Structure formats: structure tokens, C-alpha cells
Protein backbone atom coordinates (compact mmCIF):
# COMPACT_ATOMS: atom_id res chain seq x y z
CA MET A 1 8.06 -12.20 -8.29
CA HIS A 2 10.12 -14.08 -10.22
CA LEU A 3 8.61 -17.39 -10.48
CA ILE A 4 4.98 -15.68 -10.25
CA LEU A 5 6.04 -14.01 -13.27
CA PHE A 6 7.06 -17.37 -15.23
CA ILE A 7 4.01 -18.96 -14.14
CA LEU A 8 1.60 -16.26 -15.15
CA LEU A 9 3.88 -15.31 -18.36
CA PRO A 10 1.47 -17.10 -21.15
CA SER A 11 -1.86 -16.34 -20.10
CA ILE A 12 -0.48 -12.60 -19.53
CA LEU A 13 0.68 -12.75 -23.20
CA LEU A 14 -2.46 -14.21 -24.84
CA VAL A 15 -4.31 -11.39 -23.20
CA LEU A 16 -2.11 -8.62 -24.50
CA LEU A 17 -1.50 -10.40 -27.57
CA LYS A 18 -4.66 -8.57 -29.01
CA LYS A 19 -3.34 -5.62 -28.44
CA LEU A 20 -0.58 -6.17 -31.10
CA PRO A 21 -1.95 -4.07 -33.40
CA ILE A 22 -2.29 -0.75 -31.49
CA ILE A 23 1.17 -1.53 -30.49
CA PHE A 24 3.12 -1.32 -33.40
CA PHE A 25 0.72 0.79 -34.46
CA HIS A 26 2.48 3.43 -31.80
CA GLY A 27 5.95 2.07 -32.23
CA ARG A 28 5.48 3.44 -35.82
CA THR A 29 4.69 7.08 -34.14
CA LYS A 30 7.54 9.26 -33.19
CA ASN A 31 7.45 10.58 -29.45
CA THR A 32 8.59 13.97 -29.50
CA LYS A 33 8.65 13.90 -25.75
CA GLN A 34 12.31 12.96 -23.81
CA LEU A 35 11.33 10.55 -20.94
CA PRO A 36 14.32 10.32 -18.54
CA PRO A 37 17.06 7.09 -19.99
CA GLY A 38 16.34 4.07 -19.37
CA PRO A 39 17.00 0.24 -20.55
CA TRP A 40 15.41 -1.23 -23.51
CA LYS A 41 11.99 -2.30 -23.65
CA LEU A 42 10.05 -5.36 -25.09
CA PRO A 43 6.76 -5.37 -26.30
CA PHE A 44 4.12 -6.17 -23.62
CA LEU A 45 6.35 -6.70 -21.00
CA GLY A 46 8.25 -3.73 -21.16
CA SER A 47 11.91 -3.92 -18.88
CA ILE A 48 10.89 -7.01 -16.46
CA HIS A 49 13.74 -8.32 -17.86
CA GLN A 50 16.10 -5.76 -15.85
CA LEU A 51 14.57 -7.41 -12.44
CA LEU A 52 14.72 -10.80 -13.07
CA THR A 53 17.66 -11.48 -11.06
CA ARG A 54 19.06 -12.41 -7.75
CA GLU A 55 19.74 -8.94 -6.76
CA GLN A 56 16.99 -6.88 -4.50
CA THR A 57 15.22 -4.52 -6.52
CA HIS A 58 16.51 -0.85 -4.80
CA HIS A 59 20.15 -2.82 -5.74
CA ARG A 60 19.33 -4.10 -9.07
CA PHE A 61 18.07 0.03 -9.32
CA HIS A 62 21.47 1.18 -7.67
CA ARG A 63 23.41 -0.52 -10.83
CA LEU A 64 20.72 1.03 -13.36
CA SER A 65 21.53 4.36 -12.18
CA LYS A 66 25.40 3.98 -12.28
CA GLN A 67 24.27 3.35 -16.41
CA TYR A 68 21.59 6.00 -16.84
CA GLY A 69 22.04 7.88 -14.83
CA ASP A 70 20.58 9.61 -11.36
CA LEU A 71 17.26 10.01 -12.61
CA PHE A 72 16.03 7.42 -15.29
CA CYS A 73 12.56 5.44 -16.15
CA ILE A 74 12.07 1.79 -16.57
CA LYS A 75 9.04 0.19 -18.03
CA LEU A 76 7.55 -2.36 -15.88
CA GLY A 77 4.87 -4.54 -17.52
CA GLY A 78 2.31 -1.30 -18.49
CA VAL A 79 3.79 1.29 -15.83
CA ASP A 80 6.83 3.48 -16.17
CA PHE A 81 8.72 4.09 -13.17
CA VAL A 82 10.51 7.18 -12.58
CA VAL A 83 13.90 6.47 -10.07
CA ALA A 84 15.73 9.10 -8.38
CA SER A 85 19.05 7.87 -6.44
CA SER A 86 20.62 11.23 -5.77
CA PRO A 87 19.89 14.05 -3.61
CA TYR A 88 19.42 16.30 -6.34
CA SER A 89 17.05 14.37 -8.12
CA ALA A 90 15.29 13.48 -4.72
CA ARG A 91 14.81 16.92 -4.10
CA ALA A 92 12.96 17.53 -7.16
CA VAL A 93 10.71 14.91 -6.55
CA LEU A 94 9.88 15.56 -2.77
CA ASN A 95 10.44 19.40 -2.68
CA THR A 96 10.30 21.02 -5.83
CA GLN A 97 7.76 18.88 -7.87
CA ASP A 98 6.42 17.62 -4.38
CA HIS A 99 2.67 19.22 -5.19
CA VAL A 100 2.52 17.87 -8.45
CA LEU A 101 3.57 14.06 -7.42
CA ALA A 102 1.93 13.81 -3.90
CA SER A 103 -0.85 11.44 -4.75
CA ARG A 104 0.06 7.67 -4.75
CA PRO A 105 -0.60 5.33 -7.55
CA THR A 106 -3.47 2.52 -6.99
CA LEU A 107 -2.28 -0.88 -5.63
CA LEU A 108 -4.68 -3.68 -5.61
CA ALA A 109 -3.78 -5.04 -2.47
CA VAL A 110 -4.09 -1.74 -0.78
CA GLU A 111 -7.52 -1.13 -2.77
CA VAL A 112 -8.83 -4.81 -1.74
CA ILE A 113 -7.42 -4.71 2.13
CA GLY A 114 -7.29 -1.12 2.63
CA TYR A 115 -10.52 -0.32 2.38
CA ASN A 116 -10.45 1.24 -0.89
CA SER A 117 -7.05 2.85 0.04
CA GLY A 118 -8.63 4.88 2.70
CA GLY A 119 -5.56 5.22 4.77
CA ILE A 120 -2.97 7.99 5.12
CA GLY A 121 -0.45 6.19 3.01
CA PHE A 122 -1.74 5.46 -0.29
CA SER A 123 -4.83 8.04 0.10
CA PRO A 124 -5.13 10.04 -2.95
CA TYR A 125 -4.00 13.48 -2.49
CA GLY A 126 -6.18 15.78 -1.58
CA GLN A 127 -8.86 17.22 0.92
CA TYR A 128 -9.54 13.63 2.23
CA TRP A 129 -5.75 13.04 2.91
CA ARG A 130 -5.32 16.60 4.45
CA GLN A 131 -8.01 16.03 6.95
CA LEU A 132 -6.58 12.44 8.18
CA ARG A 133 -2.80 13.31 8.10
CA LYS A 134 -3.71 16.38 10.82
CA ILE A 135 -5.88 14.20 13.08
CA CYS A 136 -3.01 11.69 13.46
CA THR A 137 -0.19 13.57 13.90
CA GLN A 138 -2.74 16.05 16.12
CA GLU A 139 -4.04 13.73 18.14
CA LEU A 140 -1.58 10.82 18.40
CA LEU A 141 2.03 11.49 16.75
CA SER A 142 2.67 14.79 18.18
CA CYS A 143 5.65 15.46 20.13
CA ARG A 144 3.24 16.28 23.11
CA LYS A 145 1.11 12.89 22.92
CA VAL A 146 4.55 10.84 22.48
CA LYS A 147 5.66 12.08 25.49
CA ALA A 148 2.37 11.33 27.23
CA LEU A 149 2.29 7.86 26.13
CA GLY A 150 5.54 6.83 27.35
CA PHE A 151 4.15 4.63 30.56
CA ILE A 152 2.66 2.44 27.31
CA ARG A 153 6.64 1.95 26.26
CA TYR A 154 7.72 1.48 29.75
CA GLU A 155 5.26 -1.19 30.56
CA GLU A 156 5.97 -2.61 27.40
CA GLY A 157 10.06 -2.28 27.54
CA GLU A 158 10.26 -3.73 30.96
CA ARG A 159 7.88 -7.29 29.75
CA LEU A 160 10.16 -7.38 26.79
CA VAL A 161 12.79 -7.57 29.64
CA GLU A 162 11.29 -10.06 31.47
CA LYS A 163 10.52 -12.55 28.58
CA ILE A 164 13.89 -12.06 27.76
CA GLY A 165 15.49 -12.60 31.21
CA SER A 166 13.33 -15.80 31.57
CA ALA A 167 15.04 -17.37 28.46
CA GLY A 168 17.36 -18.91 30.91
CA GLY A 169 20.54 -18.86 28.32
CA ALA A 170 18.42 -20.34 25.59
CA PRO A 171 18.95 -18.37 22.10
CA VAL A 172 15.86 -15.45 21.88
CA ASN A 173 14.25 -14.78 18.59
CA LEU A 174 14.17 -11.21 18.71
CA THR A 175 13.14 -10.92 15.24
CA GLU A 176 9.99 -11.87 16.68
CA MET A 177 10.08 -10.23 19.99
CA PHE A 178 10.80 -6.69 18.47
CA MET A 179 8.24 -7.44 16.33
CA ALA A 180 5.74 -8.62 19.05
CA VAL A 181 6.59 -5.51 21.05
CA SER A 182 6.11 -2.85 18.13
CA ASN A 183 2.92 -4.17 17.53
CA MET A 184 2.02 -4.08 21.25
CA GLN A 185 2.99 -0.51 21.57
CA ILE A 186 1.25 0.85 18.79
CA THR A 187 -2.07 -1.37 19.38
CA LYS A 188 -2.10 -0.01 23.28
CA THR A 189 -1.75 3.30 21.74
CA ALA A 190 -4.83 3.00 19.19
CA PHE A 191 -6.87 0.68 21.31
CA GLY A 192 -6.35 2.06 24.77
CA LYS A 193 -5.66 -1.60 25.96
CA GLU A 194 -3.70 -4.86 24.71
CA CYS A 195 -7.44 -6.15 23.02
CA SER A 196 -5.36 -9.55 23.42
CA GLY A 197 -8.57 -11.69 22.86
CA SER A 198 -8.38 -10.12 19.10
CA ARG A 199 -5.00 -9.10 18.63
CA GLY A 200 -3.14 -12.87 18.04
CA ARG A 201 -5.84 -13.02 14.81
CA PHE A 202 -5.22 -9.47 13.78
CA LEU A 203 -1.22 -9.96 13.99
CA SER A 204 -1.56 -13.26 12.39
CA ALA A 205 -3.40 -11.42 9.58
CA MET A 206 -1.10 -8.70 9.29
CA LYS A 207 1.79 -10.64 8.64
CA GLU A 208 0.26 -12.29 5.66
CA THR A 209 -1.03 -8.78 4.30
CA LEU A 210 2.73 -7.62 4.75
CA LYS A 211 3.45 -10.03 1.81
CA LEU A 212 0.91 -8.98 -0.18
CA LEU A 213 1.54 -5.26 -0.48
CA PRO A 214 5.13 -5.27 -2.39
CA MET A 215 5.60 -1.99 -4.48
CA LEU A 216 6.38 -4.70 -7.95
CA ARG A 217 3.49 -6.96 -7.55
CA VAL A 218 3.34 -8.31 -10.83
CA ALA A 219 -0.91 -7.60 -11.29
CA ASP A 220 -0.07 -4.36 -10.29
CA LEU A 221 2.16 -3.92 -13.74
CA PHE A 222 -0.49 -4.72 -15.46
CA PRO A 223 -3.22 -2.41 -14.11
CA SER A 224 -5.74 -3.37 -17.05
CA ILE A 225 -5.70 -6.81 -16.16
CA SER A 226 -4.91 -6.81 -12.69
CA PHE A 227 -7.49 -8.67 -11.32
CA LEU A 228 -7.61 -11.38 -13.90
CA ILE A 229 -3.69 -12.09 -12.26
CA SER A 230 -4.79 -11.77 -8.89
CA CYS A 231 -7.43 -14.70 -9.72
CA LEU A 232 -4.98 -17.05 -11.63
CA ASP A 233 -2.16 -16.45 -8.83
CA GLY A 234 -4.75 -16.89 -5.92
CA SER A 235 -3.71 -13.78 -4.65
CA SER A 236 -7.33 -12.46 -5.25
CA PHE A 237 -8.95 -14.75 -2.73
CA GLN A 238 -6.30 -14.16 -0.42
CA MET A 239 -6.93 -10.92 -0.08
CA LYS A 240 -10.68 -11.06 0.31
CA ARG A 241 -9.93 -13.63 3.18
CA LEU A 242 -7.70 -11.15 4.78
CA ARG A 243 -10.10 -8.66 4.58
CA ARG A 244 -13.27 -10.21 6.08
CA GLU A 245 -10.78 -11.34 8.75
CA MET A 246 -9.09 -7.77 9.82
CA ASP A 247 -12.87 -6.52 8.90
CA ALA A 248 -14.19 -8.77 12.36
CA VAL A 249 -11.47 -8.17 14.49
CA LEU A 250 -11.84 -4.35 13.57
CA ASP A 251 -15.34 -4.27 14.35
CA GLU A 252 -15.17 -5.90 17.51
CA ILE A 253 -12.45 -3.02 18.36
CA ILE A 254 -14.53 -0.20 17.41
CA GLU A 255 -17.71 -1.48 19.10
CA GLU A 256 -15.97 -1.87 22.15
CA HIS A 257 -15.59 1.62 21.85
CA VAL A 258 -18.55 2.67 20.87
CA MET A 259 -19.99 0.64 24.17
CA ARG A 260 -17.48 2.43 26.37
CA GLY A 261 -18.20 5.74 25.20
CA GLU A 262 -22.12 5.46 25.95
CA ASP A 263 -21.20 4.67 29.49
CA GLY A 264 -19.40 8.00 29.72
CA GLY A 265 -16.34 6.83 31.83
CA GLU A 266 -13.85 9.22 32.12
CA MET A 267 -10.75 7.55 30.02
CA GLU A 268 -8.13 9.30 27.83
CA GLU A 269 -9.26 8.61 24.16
CA ASP A 270 -7.48 6.65 21.93
CA LEU A 271 -6.73 6.86 18.41
CA VAL A 272 -10.40 4.89 17.94
CA ASP A 273 -11.65 7.26 20.76
CA VAL A 274 -10.71 10.14 18.38
CA LEU A 275 -11.46 8.81 14.68
CA LEU A 276 -15.00 8.22 16.45
CA ARG A 277 -15.81 11.16 18.46
CA ILE A 278 -14.67 13.21 15.03
CA GLN A 279 -17.15 10.91 12.62
CA ARG A 280 -19.82 11.79 15.45
CA LYS A 281 -19.33 15.82 15.15
CA GLY A 282 -19.39 15.17 11.41
CA GLU A 283 -17.74 18.48 10.89
CA LEU A 284 -15.33 17.43 8.43
CA GLN A 285 -15.88 18.91 4.91
CA VAL A 286 -15.52 15.23 3.78
CA PRO A 287 -17.16 13.39 6.39
CA LEU A 288 -15.58 9.58 8.08
CA THR A 289 -17.47 6.46 7.25
CA MET A 290 -16.72 3.12 8.86
CA ASP A 291 -14.70 2.22 6.51
CA ASN A 292 -12.06 5.18 6.61
CA VAL A 293 -11.88 4.82 10.36
CA LYS A 294 -11.13 0.85 9.97
CA ALA A 295 -8.56 1.92 6.74
CA VAL A 296 -6.75 4.54 9.28
CA ILE A 297 -6.77 2.39 12.09
CA LEU A 298 -5.15 -0.52 9.89
CA ASP A 299 -2.54 2.15 8.18
CA MET A 300 -1.41 2.80 11.59
CA LEU A 301 -0.73 -0.17 12.78
CA VAL A 302 1.24 -2.05 9.68
CA ALA A 303 3.34 1.22 9.41
CA ALA A 304 4.00 1.35 13.13
CA THR A 305 5.14 -2.02 13.45
CA GLU A 306 6.91 -3.78 10.34
CA THR A 307 9.55 -0.27 10.10
CA THR A 308 9.74 -0.08 13.71
CA SER A 309 10.40 -3.93 14.60
CA ASN A 310 12.99 -3.97 11.30
CA THR A 311 15.21 -1.47 12.59
CA MET A 312 15.51 -2.70 16.03
CA CYS A 313 16.60 -5.81 14.19
CA TRP A 314 19.19 -4.12 12.16
CA VAL A 315 20.61 -2.15 14.77
CA MET A 316 21.02 -5.14 17.10
CA SER A 317 22.81 -6.85 14.15
CA GLU A 318 24.95 -4.46 13.20
CA LEU A 319 26.44 -4.05 17.13
CA MET A 320 27.02 -7.57 17.23
CA ARG A 321 29.50 -7.13 13.72
CA HIS A 322 30.86 -4.52 15.71
CA PRO A 323 31.82 -5.30 19.40
CA ASN A 324 33.67 -1.84 20.12
CA ILE A 325 30.31 -0.14 18.88
CA MET A 326 28.33 -2.41 20.94
CA SER A 327 30.72 -1.69 24.46
CA LYS A 328 30.32 2.10 23.43
CA THR A 329 26.90 1.99 23.62
CA GLN A 330 26.56 0.06 26.65
CA LEU A 331 28.90 2.13 28.46
CA GLU A 332 26.93 5.25 27.72
CA ILE A 333 23.38 3.28 28.12
CA ARG A 334 24.33 1.79 31.78
CA GLU A 335 25.93 5.68 32.77
CA VAL A 336 22.46 6.84 32.08
CA PHE A 337 20.42 4.42 33.97
CA ARG A 338 22.71 4.36 36.88
CA GLY A 339 22.45 8.22 36.40
CA LYS A 340 25.55 9.24 36.43
CA THR A 341 25.04 11.34 33.19
CA ARG A 342 22.40 13.47 31.80
CA LEU A 343 19.08 11.52 30.82
CA GLU A 344 20.31 11.49 27.00
CA LEU A 345 21.21 8.53 24.88
CA HIS A 346 23.45 10.53 22.30
CA TYR A 347 25.29 7.59 21.29
CA LEU A 348 22.39 5.34 21.23
CA HIS A 349 20.39 7.84 18.72
CA LEU A 350 23.82 8.39 16.81
CA VAL A 351 23.77 4.36 16.53
CA ILE A 352 20.05 3.99 15.51
CA LYS A 353 20.78 7.37 12.56
CA GLU A 354 23.67 5.41 11.18
CA THR A 355 21.39 2.12 10.99
CA LEU A 356 19.18 4.12 9.03
CA ARG A 357 21.44 5.15 6.89
CA ILE A 358 22.57 1.74 5.75
CA HIS A 359 19.02 -0.10 6.37
CA PRO A 360 16.55 2.22 5.45
CA PRO A 361 12.92 0.86 6.69
CA LEU A 362 11.82 1.71 3.00
CA PRO A 363 14.83 1.24 0.83
CA LEU A 364 12.50 2.58 -1.81
CA LEU A 365 10.18 5.10 -0.75
CA LEU A 366 6.33 4.44 -1.63
CA PRO A 367 6.06 5.44 -4.81
CA ARG A 368 4.34 8.83 -5.98
CA THR A 369 2.17 9.34 -8.91
CA CYS A 370 0.69 12.24 -10.88
CA ASN A 371 -2.79 12.22 -12.64
CA GLU A 372 -1.42 14.72 -15.39
CA ALA A 373 1.97 14.61 -17.35
CA THR A 374 4.80 16.83 -15.57
CA LYS A 375 8.30 17.56 -16.34
CA LEU A 376 11.04 16.71 -13.81
CA LEU A 377 14.53 18.04 -14.55
CA GLY A 378 13.69 18.62 -17.87
CA PHE A 379 12.44 15.30 -18.97
CA HIS A 380 8.74 14.88 -19.33
CA ILE A 381 7.00 12.61 -16.96
CA PRO A 382 3.67 10.74 -18.28
CA ALA A 383 0.74 10.83 -16.69
CA LYS A 384 0.40 7.96 -13.64
CA ALA A 385 3.96 7.52 -13.88
CA ARG A 386 5.41 6.05 -10.31
CA VAL A 387 7.78 8.13 -9.05
CA VAL A 388 10.08 6.61 -6.35
CA VAL A 389 13.17 7.64 -4.36
CA ASN A 390 16.16 4.90 -3.82
CA VAL A 391 16.63 5.92 -0.21
CA TRP A 392 19.10 3.13 -0.24
CA ALA A 393 21.56 3.85 -3.00
CA ILE A 394 21.79 7.56 -1.53
CA GLY A 395 22.65 6.52 1.76
CA ARG A 396 25.39 4.33 0.21
CA ASP A 397 26.71 7.22 -2.27
CA PRO A 398 30.73 7.52 -1.84
CA MET A 399 30.41 11.38 -3.33
CA ILE A 400 28.33 12.26 -0.22
CA TRP A 401 29.57 9.47 2.30
CA LYS A 402 33.19 9.13 3.52
CA ASP A 403 33.50 5.01 3.52
CA PRO A 404 29.80 4.65 2.96
CA GLU A 405 29.91 0.95 3.53
CA SER A 406 31.27 1.19 6.92
CA PHE A 407 29.36 0.94 10.20
CA TRP A 408 29.98 3.99 11.83
CA PRO A 409 28.64 6.49 14.08
CA GLU A 410 30.73 9.17 14.89
CA ARG A 411 30.11 10.05 11.40
CA PHE A 412 27.13 11.57 12.45
CA GLU A 413 28.56 13.69 15.41
CA GLU A 414 29.85 16.37 13.39
CA ASN A 415 26.91 15.85 9.92
CA SER A 416 24.03 18.37 11.40
CA CYS A 417 21.78 16.69 9.26
CA ASP A 418 18.49 15.05 10.50
CA PHE A 419 15.89 12.78 9.40
CA LYS A 420 12.97 15.41 9.43
CA GLY A 421 12.95 15.54 5.78
CA ASN A 422 15.23 18.69 5.35
CA ASN A 423 19.11 17.12 3.66
CA TYR A 424 18.11 14.88 1.07
CA GLU A 425 21.34 13.71 1.25
CA TYR A 426 19.59 11.66 4.39
CA ILE A 427 15.98 10.89 4.28
CA PRO A 428 15.20 7.45 5.51
CA PHE A 429 11.37 9.01 6.61
CA GLY A 430 11.09 10.50 3.46
CA SER A 431 10.30 14.16 2.72
CA GLY A 432 7.92 16.59 1.59
CA ARG A 433 3.98 16.13 2.10
CA ARG A 434 4.13 12.37 2.44
CA VAL A 435 7.07 12.64 4.70
CA CYS A 436 6.65 9.79 7.17
CA PRO A 437 4.18 11.27 10.30
CA GLY A 438 5.29 8.47 13.00
CA MET A 439 9.05 9.56 13.29
CA THR A 440 9.21 10.99 16.73
CA PHE A 441 6.81 8.16 17.64
CA ALA A 442 9.37 5.41 16.39
CA MET A 443 12.91 6.43 17.21
CA ALA A 444 11.04 7.16 20.63
CA GLY A 445 9.87 3.38 21.03
CA MET A 446 13.17 2.48 19.20
CA GLU A 447 15.69 3.94 21.93
CA LEU A 448 13.44 2.97 24.82
CA PHE A 449 13.47 -0.54 23.94
CA LEU A 450 16.81 -1.16 22.79
CA GLY A 451 18.22 1.14 25.34
CA LEU A 452 16.90 -1.27 28.45
CA LEU A 453 18.08 -4.54 26.18
CA LEU A 454 21.10 -3.06 26.42
CA ASN A 455 21.47 -2.16 29.78
CA HIS A 456 20.11 -4.98 31.33
CA PHE A 457 21.71 -7.90 28.83
CA ASP A 458 24.98 -8.24 27.08
CA TRP A 459 24.75 -10.63 24.31
CA LYS A 460 26.42 -13.71 22.47
CA ILE A 461 25.95 -15.21 19.15
CA PRO A 462 24.64 -18.58 19.40
CA PRO A 463 27.01 -21.60 19.21
CA SER A 464 25.19 -22.93 15.91
CA ASN A 465 25.94 -19.74 13.93
CA GLY A 466 29.31 -20.89 13.75
CA GLY A 467 30.78 -17.22 15.23
CA LEU A 468 30.91 -13.80 14.72
CA GLU A 469 31.48 -13.97 10.84
CA GLU A 470 28.82 -16.19 10.58
CA LEU A 471 26.25 -14.04 11.09
CA ASN A 472 24.27 -13.82 8.40
CA MET A 473 23.21 -10.44 6.96
CA GLU A 474 20.93 -11.29 4.21
CA GLU A 475 18.18 -8.92 3.54
CA GLU A 476 14.78 -9.79 1.89
CA PHE A 477 12.76 -6.70 0.04
CA ASP A 478 9.49 -6.65 -0.47
CA GLY A 479 8.46 -2.95 0.51
CA THR A 480 10.49 -3.06 3.14
CA ALA A 481 13.87 -4.55 4.33
CA ARG A 482 13.79 -7.14 6.62
CA ARG A 483 16.51 -9.31 7.43
CA LYS A 484 16.43 -12.74 5.26
CA LYS A 485 16.79 -15.20 8.50
CA ASP A 486 15.43 -14.54 12.43
CA LEU A 487 17.58 -13.00 14.18
CA CYS A 488 18.30 -14.91 17.13
CA LEU A 489 21.36 -14.19 20.45
CA ILE A 490 21.62 -15.55 23.04
CA ALA A 491 21.24 -12.69 26.34
CA VAL A 492 23.11 -12.99 29.54
CA PRO A 493 21.91 -11.03 32.45
CA HIS A 494 24.01 -7.90 33.22
CA GLU A 495 25.00 -7.48 36.82
CA ILE A 496 23.33 -3.60 37.46
CA LEU A 497 25.64 -2.12 40.37
CA GLY A 498 24.18 0.46 42.18
């Protein structure tokens, strides 16, 4: 963001210069409404200078919360951001004012690529969104459905083990493999088969799309001239190209499902079948268009691929840094897989929970907004302000967590909090109306894939990494938090005794 901002700054200033008299006029008008405290602002740019550092955005917001409080306001360009950084302020956003702050802001990339924000993640709060959520939670993401689709996870897990085993002692890129298996899992669940011809093109376009979706894109910070900025930085043309590529693939997939439905074959419905069936019936208050169907499919694929694969990478990274925890995890897994104990990966579950605390998939929950001004903890929140919860900061708060920087899965042995959104000190999947509907689906896949890899292989860091202390743990944030460098490890087949 920093480089793009410097390049575009002259153009932004020229356009906004015309508004100088208006800004000075408003600057002389006393504002009697008390906003949450925050850093000082520059004309036009707000407090963007606060983010022109090497720090990741959620780290910077955490430091600002130490200075201005656990609910602060920072003006970035033309947009007010209100940041909640404690369980108390998170509860106010996600529970007390959940009904007021249940909508999403309009982001340019989501509008262009995501069929006018037609997916579950960014569609405005209302009847249309409620319909989509009900369809997905009942038809795809319910506990019953997740359990019924276990055979897909097992198939893909066995393929993953086979592919890693064929490396013959050479380093394997787990970042790429986790991305592929996560995508394949949701692809088969949504499409009913691999769609191998389309999948490669779709996955390539999706990787590009993910780079265009950060919450703090420069164009989205200046809504009145966002289109101009996107033309100047070239992203407008890139977004339109990706939209065409995604659209072509989705058209192929939908056409295959329409033809299959006309054949009248007895096959279990997948997500596309469900959406087409509901669309044909036409019984919804807000009818589904074909673009709506595509938006839901795209939304599900992007959400289920990126966050799941990133979390598995962080789990393996932390286990490599903590050999004792790795040994304890593998011992449990191997006993379970050999049938020597109950069929429950209890400790692995704790390891994943601890990873989600330290490395939440979305360090800053997707922004919420309100169409009208409201109040939050006694402060005035302007209409169209973007309200975000810094989950990363909450997960590392020493007032909540003992020794928060340490990776210690056992902390959850006596801590009854879960990740379903009821405990505001631990909300890796969010909370309230906009809580992630796919948490059960994600956990089922992660536990199986990690369980298989830790059962079948022992793991070593390649010699080129210089040893254990050199395992790079830097993160890269662009909406999600991924490893900055791919995780490459050597898999040593483990002799599985009867």
C-alpha cells in the first residue's frame, strides 16, 4: 500500500484540492459530537501517515490502542475507522450493537469481482443476506452435512499423503500443498467433482483476486474518487480481467450442472445444484439471479481456501518450533489412528485452538458499517464509518492470557472458551450475525489433514534453512495473515506398526 500511495499522492491531491474551501469551512465548524479518541489528522489524507511504517496493520492498530484506548477512531483518507481492541469493546460491536453494525462497506474489488458484493461475506445486511446464510448453513455447512461429506476429506487427505510421500526426502512446499488440498476440498463439496479442467484456471485467478481484496486498499480509502485511483494504479483493468476469467469458469461449471439436472440422474446435490434448484423454484422473497449464484460460489471458494490453508501452515510452523509439543501431538495421533485410544484428537484440537489465538485467520475481522450514525460505548460513530475488531490484539492481551506470546496449547485444558463467538476474549471466527458460518467445516478439514500428515511422517527443517532457530515466522497481511515465506519441510516416512 505504501508504494502505491506515494505514486498516486500527486493525483489524489490535485483532485481533492478543489475541495479545499469546503474543508476549511467545515474545519471552522465546531463538532459537538464526541468521536472515540484517535491520532491527529492531516487535510485530505487523515491519519494515513500512521500506517506508513514497516509494521503490519493489525500490529500498528494494537500499538495505537495502547495510546488511545481499546476503542479508538482513525481517519484514513476519507473514511473513519473505529477499532475495537478488547473483549469489552468487541462485545459492544459484535453483540450490543450487532443489529446496527451488521452491514458491510462497499469495497471496489468486491463490487467488481464479487458480482456487486453478492456473496455472503460482503452483501449488505437484509433479507437477501439472510436468505443466503440460511441456504449455506442448512445445505452445506451444517454439522450433519459436514459429517456426511467426510469421504471427500479422506480422499483428499490420502492424496496429500501420497503426494508428499513421493517427494523421496526432498523438501515439500506445504504452503502450496495446503492451498491445493483446501481448495480441492471445497471445490468437490461445491461442484461435486474436481472440475479439473476449470480448477487450474480458477485457482490461478483466485490467487490474484486475493491480492486485490485487502481492507485498506488506497482506492477504498477515497470512495469519491475510488474509480479514478483504480484506473491510475492499473487495478481496475486487472479486476475486470479477473472477473471475466472467473465468470467464464463459473459459466462452464453451472452449464455442466444444468445439463446434468436435465438428464435426471440420481446424484447427491452439491452447492451448485442446491442454488440452481432454489433459483428454479422461485420461492424466495428476493429472487436469486445467475450472478447471485456465481457470487455465492465464489465467496465460498475464496473463504474456505485461504483461511484454512494459512492456519494449517501456522500449525506446522509452531510445531516445528516446539519439538516437545510436536512429539506429544504425534503420540496422541498415532495412538488414535492405531485404535489404541478413543477416536478423538483432543490434544491436536488444543494445538489448533492455540494457533488460532496467536495467528487468527483474519487478524482484523471483516469491517462492519452502519447506514446511519450510532453510539458505541458512549461515543458517536458517524454513518458509513468502518468498525473493525482487532482479534490479533485480543489474543495477545496479557490481561486475558498468561504469557500470551508463548505457544502453550495446555492453556485451553482449563479454559472453557470455544471459538463459536460466545467468548469475546477468543473470537478467531468472529461473532454475532456475521460470525463465520464455515467454522465446523474448516475445523473438520484441518484436523484430518494435519492428523494424517503428523501420523504418516516425521518432519525436519531443510539444511538450507540453517537450523531450527532460522525458521522464518514473519507474516504478511493483506486481509488474511499468511506466512511471508512459504513453509518448506522435509517429510520422513514414519514406520507405522500394527
